[in-house]
Structure formats: C-alpha cells, structure tokens
Protein backbone atom coordinates (compact mmCIF):
# COMPACT_ATOMS: atom_id res chain seq x y z
CA MET A 1 -32.48 37.41 49.10
CA ILE A 2 -34.83 40.38 49.46
CA SER A 3 -34.70 43.15 52.04
CA LEU A 4 -36.64 42.98 55.28
CA GLU A 5 -38.62 46.04 54.17
CA ASP A 6 -39.92 44.18 51.11
CA ALA A 7 -40.84 40.99 52.98
CA VAL A 8 -44.10 39.90 54.59
CA THR A 9 -44.50 37.42 57.40
CA ALA A 10 -46.04 34.01 56.77
CA ARG A 11 -47.24 32.42 60.04
CA LEU A 12 -48.23 28.87 60.87
CA GLU A 13 -49.55 27.77 64.26
CA SER A 14 -49.38 24.03 64.95
CA HIS A 15 -48.90 21.72 67.94
CA GLY A 16 -49.14 24.71 70.27
CA GLU A 17 -46.19 26.38 68.54
CA ARG A 18 -45.90 29.37 66.21
CA PHE A 19 -43.61 29.44 63.17
CA GLU A 20 -42.89 32.52 61.09
CA VAL A 21 -40.86 33.11 57.92
CA LEU A 22 -40.05 36.28 55.94
CA ILE A 23 -40.80 36.17 52.24
CA ASP A 24 -41.65 38.25 49.18
CA PRO A 25 -45.45 38.81 49.12
CA ASP A 26 -45.96 37.86 45.47
CA ALA A 27 -43.89 34.71 45.89
CA ALA A 28 -45.89 33.79 48.99
CA LEU A 29 -49.17 34.16 47.09
CA ALA A 30 -47.79 32.07 44.22
CA MET A 31 -46.79 29.32 46.67
CA LYS A 32 -50.28 29.26 48.16
CA ARG A 33 -51.73 28.90 44.64
CA GLY A 34 -49.23 26.13 43.90
CA ASP A 35 -47.64 27.88 40.91
CA PHE A 36 -44.41 29.29 42.35
CA GLU A 37 -41.49 28.99 39.98
CA GLY A 38 -38.02 30.19 40.85
CA ASP A 39 -35.31 29.96 43.44
CA LEU A 40 -36.55 30.10 47.02
CA GLU A 41 -33.36 31.82 48.14
CA ASP A 42 -34.17 34.77 45.87
CA VAL A 43 -37.56 35.50 47.48
CA ILE A 44 -36.84 35.19 51.21
CA ALA A 45 -35.41 37.79 53.58
CA ALA A 46 -33.82 35.26 55.93
CA GLU A 47 -32.87 31.62 55.60
CA ASP A 48 -34.44 30.98 58.97
CA VAL A 49 -37.64 30.02 60.78
CA PHE A 50 -38.78 32.16 63.69
CA GLU A 51 -41.13 31.87 66.60
CA ASN A 52 -41.48 35.64 66.49
CA ALA A 53 -39.85 37.25 63.46
CA SER A 54 -40.12 40.83 64.74
CA ARG A 55 -38.08 39.92 67.83
CA GLY A 56 -35.86 37.39 66.12
CA ASP A 57 -36.94 34.60 68.51
CA ARG A 58 -36.48 31.08 67.16
CA PRO A 59 -38.42 27.91 68.03
CA ALA A 60 -36.74 24.92 69.60
CA GLU A 61 -35.27 22.41 67.18
CA SER A 62 -37.40 19.74 68.83
CA ALA A 63 -40.53 21.71 67.84
CA LEU A 64 -39.32 21.92 64.25
CA GLU A 65 -38.69 18.17 64.17
CA GLU A 66 -42.09 17.42 65.66
CA VAL A 67 -44.08 19.58 63.23
CA PHE A 68 -42.01 19.39 60.04
CA GLY A 69 -39.80 16.34 60.48
CA THR A 70 -36.70 18.44 59.77
CA THR A 71 -34.78 21.45 61.02
CA ASP A 72 -33.76 22.61 57.53
CA PRO A 73 -35.26 26.11 57.01
CA MET A 74 -35.32 25.74 53.22
CA GLU A 75 -37.61 22.74 53.55
CA ILE A 76 -39.73 24.33 56.26
CA ILE A 77 -40.27 27.77 54.69
CA PRO A 78 -42.51 26.60 51.78
CA GLU A 79 -44.60 24.51 54.16
CA VAL A 80 -45.12 27.44 56.52
CA VAL A 81 -46.24 29.58 53.59
CA GLU A 82 -48.53 26.95 52.05
CA ARG A 83 -50.18 25.87 55.32
CA GLY A 84 -50.08 29.17 57.16
CA GLU A 85 -51.43 32.70 56.79
CA ILE A 86 -49.73 35.69 55.19
CA GLN A 87 -49.47 38.63 57.55
CA ILE A 88 -49.51 41.94 55.65
CA THR A 89 -49.30 45.36 57.27
CA ALA A 90 -51.45 48.25 56.07
CA ASP A 91 -48.41 49.92 54.48
CA GLN A 92 -47.40 46.70 52.70
CA ARG A 93 -50.95 46.23 51.44
CA ARG A 94 -51.00 49.78 50.03
CA GLU A 95 -47.63 49.27 48.35
CA MET A 96 -48.72 45.95 46.81
CA GLN A 97 -51.97 47.51 45.63
CA GLU A 98 -50.21 50.45 43.99
CA ARG A 99 -47.62 48.22 42.34
CA LYS A 100 -50.32 45.94 40.90
CA ARG A 101 -52.41 48.92 39.82
CA LYS A 102 -49.49 50.19 37.73
CA ARG A 103 -48.97 46.74 36.20
CA LEU A 104 -52.68 46.46 35.43
CA ILE A 105 -52.73 49.87 33.73
CA ASN A 106 -49.64 49.01 31.68
CA THR A 107 -51.13 45.67 30.65
CA ILE A 108 -54.32 47.32 29.44
CA ALA A 109 -52.45 50.15 27.70
CA ARG A 110 -50.27 47.64 25.82
CA ASN A 111 -53.19 45.58 24.57
CA ALA A 112 -56.21 47.90 24.25
CA ILE A 113 -57.31 50.36 21.58
CA ASN A 114 -59.91 53.11 21.24
CA PRO A 115 -62.38 51.88 18.58
CA GLN A 116 -63.83 55.39 18.22
CA MET A 117 -60.47 57.01 17.39
CA ASP A 118 -59.16 54.96 14.46
CA ASP A 119 -58.13 52.14 16.80
CA SER A 120 -55.48 54.35 18.43
CA PRO A 121 -53.99 53.26 21.78
CA HIS A 122 -55.23 54.62 25.09
CA PRO A 123 -52.42 56.38 27.02
CA PRO A 124 -51.81 54.90 30.50
CA GLU A 125 -52.84 58.22 32.07
CA ARG A 126 -56.28 57.99 30.47
CA ILE A 127 -56.75 54.42 31.67
CA ASP A 128 -55.66 55.45 35.16
CA ARG A 129 -58.23 58.27 35.27
CA ALA A 130 -60.95 56.02 33.87
CA LEU A 131 -60.30 53.32 36.48
CA GLU A 132 -60.56 56.01 39.15
CA GLU A 133 -63.82 57.29 37.67
CA ALA A 134 -65.18 53.74 37.46
CA GLY A 135 -64.33 53.14 41.11
CA PHE A 136 -62.32 50.03 40.29
CA THR A 137 -60.23 48.74 43.17
CA VAL A 138 -57.20 46.57 42.50
CA ASP A 139 -56.94 43.51 44.73
CA PRO A 140 -53.37 43.34 46.07
CA MET A 141 -53.78 39.63 46.81
CA GLU A 142 -54.87 38.62 43.31
CA PRO A 143 -52.61 38.20 40.24
CA VAL A 144 -52.89 41.10 37.79
CA GLU A 145 -53.77 38.69 34.95
CA ASN A 146 -56.88 37.61 36.84
CA GLN A 147 -58.10 41.20 37.21
CA VAL A 148 -57.85 42.38 33.60
CA ASP A 149 -61.33 41.22 32.52
CA ASP A 150 -63.01 42.83 35.53
CA ALA A 151 -61.09 46.05 34.90
CA LEU A 152 -62.19 46.13 31.25
CA GLU A 153 -65.80 45.57 32.27
CA ALA A 154 -65.52 48.52 34.65
CA LEU A 155 -63.83 50.70 32.00
CA ARG A 156 -66.29 50.17 29.13
CA PRO A 157 -69.03 52.49 30.53
CA VAL A 158 -66.38 55.19 30.99
CA ILE A 159 -64.24 55.02 27.82
CA PRO A 160 -64.53 53.17 24.48
CA ILE A 161 -62.05 50.33 24.76
CA ARG A 162 -61.38 46.82 23.51
CA PHE A 163 -58.48 44.40 23.27
CA GLU A 164 -57.23 43.83 19.76
CA GLU A 165 -54.16 42.81 17.79
CA ILE A 166 -52.87 44.71 14.80
CA THR A 167 -50.87 43.50 11.79
CA VAL A 168 -48.37 45.86 10.18
CA ALA A 169 -46.20 45.43 7.10
CA VAL A 170 -42.84 47.17 7.27
CA GLN A 171 -40.16 47.63 4.63
CA LEU A 172 -36.57 48.40 5.59
CA PRO A 173 -34.17 49.83 2.98
CA PRO A 174 -31.07 47.79 2.06
CA ASP A 175 -28.72 49.86 4.24
CA TYR A 176 -30.73 49.01 7.37
CA ALA A 177 -32.30 45.66 6.54
CA GLY A 178 -29.60 43.42 7.99
CA SER A 179 -29.54 44.75 11.53
CA GLY A 180 -33.02 46.25 11.58
CA GLN A 181 -35.01 43.16 10.70
CA ALA A 182 -33.63 41.28 13.71
CA LYS A 183 -35.18 43.83 16.08
CA ILE A 184 -38.43 44.09 14.13
CA ARG A 185 -39.02 40.33 14.13
CA GLU A 186 -38.64 40.25 17.95
CA PHE A 187 -41.37 42.85 18.49
CA GLY A 188 -44.28 40.48 17.86
CA ASP A 189 -45.31 37.46 15.82
CA LEU A 190 -43.60 37.51 12.41
CA GLU A 191 -46.31 36.37 9.99
CA ARG A 192 -44.28 36.61 6.79
CA GLU A 193 -40.98 38.02 5.54
CA GLU A 194 -39.44 38.57 2.15
CA TRP A 195 -36.06 39.81 0.92
CA GLN A 196 -36.37 42.03 -2.13
CA ASN A 197 -34.02 42.00 -5.13
CA ASP A 198 -32.58 45.37 -4.11
CA GLY A 199 -31.62 44.03 -0.66
CA SER A 200 -34.51 45.59 1.25
CA TRP A 201 -36.54 43.51 3.71
CA VAL A 202 -40.31 43.31 4.08
CA GLY A 203 -41.95 41.74 7.09
CA VAL A 204 -45.48 41.40 8.39
CA VAL A 205 -45.71 41.55 12.18
CA THR A 206 -48.70 41.02 14.47
CA PHE A 207 -48.70 42.49 17.98
CA PRO A 208 -51.09 44.04 20.57
CA ALA A 209 -52.74 47.10 19.03
CA GLY A 210 -51.82 49.26 21.98
CA LEU A 211 -48.16 48.95 20.99
CA GLN A 212 -48.45 50.35 17.48
CA ASN A 213 -46.81 53.69 18.33
CA ASP A 214 -43.92 51.80 19.93
CA PHE A 215 -43.61 49.71 16.78
CA TYR A 216 -43.46 52.77 14.53
CA ASP A 217 -40.85 54.31 16.81
CA LEU A 218 -38.76 51.13 16.56
CA ALA A 219 -39.09 50.99 12.76
CA ASN A 220 -37.92 54.59 12.49
CA GLU A 221 -35.11 54.00 14.95
CA VAL A 222 -33.61 51.02 13.11
CA SER A 223 -33.88 52.73 9.71
CA SER A 224 -33.04 56.35 10.53
CA GLY A 225 -36.61 57.23 9.65
CA GLU A 226 -36.57 55.57 6.22
CA ALA A 227 -38.83 52.58 6.99
CA GLU A 228 -42.18 52.32 5.24
CA THR A 229 -45.14 50.84 7.13
CA GLN A 230 -48.74 49.98 6.47
CA VAL A 231 -51.50 48.48 8.59
CA VAL A 232 -52.80 45.41 6.77
CA LYS A 233 -56.05 43.54 7.13
CA ASP A 234 -54.86 40.65 4.98
CA LYS A 235 -51.66 39.09 6.32
CA ASP A 236 -50.79 37.93 2.80
CA ASP A 237 -50.66 41.56 1.68
CA LEU A 238 -47.03 42.67 1.72
CA ARG A 239 -47.59 46.06 0.14
CA THR A 240 -46.18 49.02 2.07
CA ARG A 241 -46.74 52.70 1.93
C-alpha cells in the first residue's frame, strides 16, 4: 500500500450516492486509460470504499450492492476509478508535474545528442533550462512518453537536438573480459561479439547516443581503465582504438 500523503481521491457519484477510494495518481490514470498492470494492493492507500474519504465515512453495504453488485472493496475500487473522476489537490498536481518533468528531462538526456558538438549528449541541466526558455509545460495527467515529441519540438528552436542511437566497439583485455563483458552486453543491444586468441573480448553495442559517457565510464570501470573503444558507423567493423 501507499501512504495517504501520496494518494489521490477517485470519486464516483451514482444512484444518489457518492463513493470515494484512495489510490496512487499514476495508477489511477493508467486504469482510466485501460493499461494498468500490477497489483492493486500496491497502489491503494486503503482497502476500503468511502462515502467521504477525508472524514472516513463509509457508504451503506446496501448502496454498494445496488451500484456495484458486491461489497468487496478490491472489486469496487477499479470501477470507481474507471467510471469516476480523479480529485487532485493543487499541491498534488504540482508534485506530479515536477516528478514528470524530471522524468521527461532524464528521458531526453538519455536519448538525445547535440548535432553541432560532435554528437555529444546534452546534460540534463541544459535541457531543463531550454524547456524553461521554450515555455514548455509538462502535463501532470499525461504519460511522459506521450510528451517527448512535443517537448523536442519546443526544444529545437532553443538548442540543437535530435534523438539518435550510437554504436560503439569495445575491447576488454583478457584479465577483465570474463566478468566485464557480462556488464557491457547488458548496457544496450549487442550487435556482435568475438573472443580473441589472447583471451580478450570485443563487442559491438548499440544504445541511445545520450548514454555514451555512461558507457565509457562503465567500460573503464570493468577494465580498470584498460578498455579500448571506438565509435563505429559500420556495425561489421570490429576495429578498436
């Protein structure tokens, strides 16, 4: 369950009665879109249905039976959310907006590059400032994934930016190849790999261009700084520098 502070109220009025439930705001929005996946118990603040949640008043069981055909809260809660309205306070709306703004910025930073600076990543701080300059407002009621394209459109007049993937070949020396390659292959899509006669490992990995500094950090970490890397245009090219 979640805390009361993190929950919003979903309210349904039917048959002259009011029914309220306390639920995580993102889960409530997912239910209304019909794409909620998970355990209901993990996203509610109370396994209960209220007439007035702020006072803790509960409706009569006869009212529950009449409207929902059951008195089981776990069956009623999704129906209240799907058929009712989500009540969000001004503070909750601001918190949701800020949380989604951070997720949006991180998503863009992980996937975008600066085409005017050798395809280097944009730091999150730069994206944050550019969104502010562009006057882009994050919708707290909309999934972050649905706002990325609009955010990029707003950013392009402010900073040079585009989404792109990058392919990097990496060679790990024999002393680090065994344990290091397992972490490298998990970083992105492993296009090719090859074990050399001396026991070293070469792999070609494709991942969002905004993560290239993270990839180099990982390659250095798993090899004590002895990894060799090279950005490749041709995925069949396994040469390293």
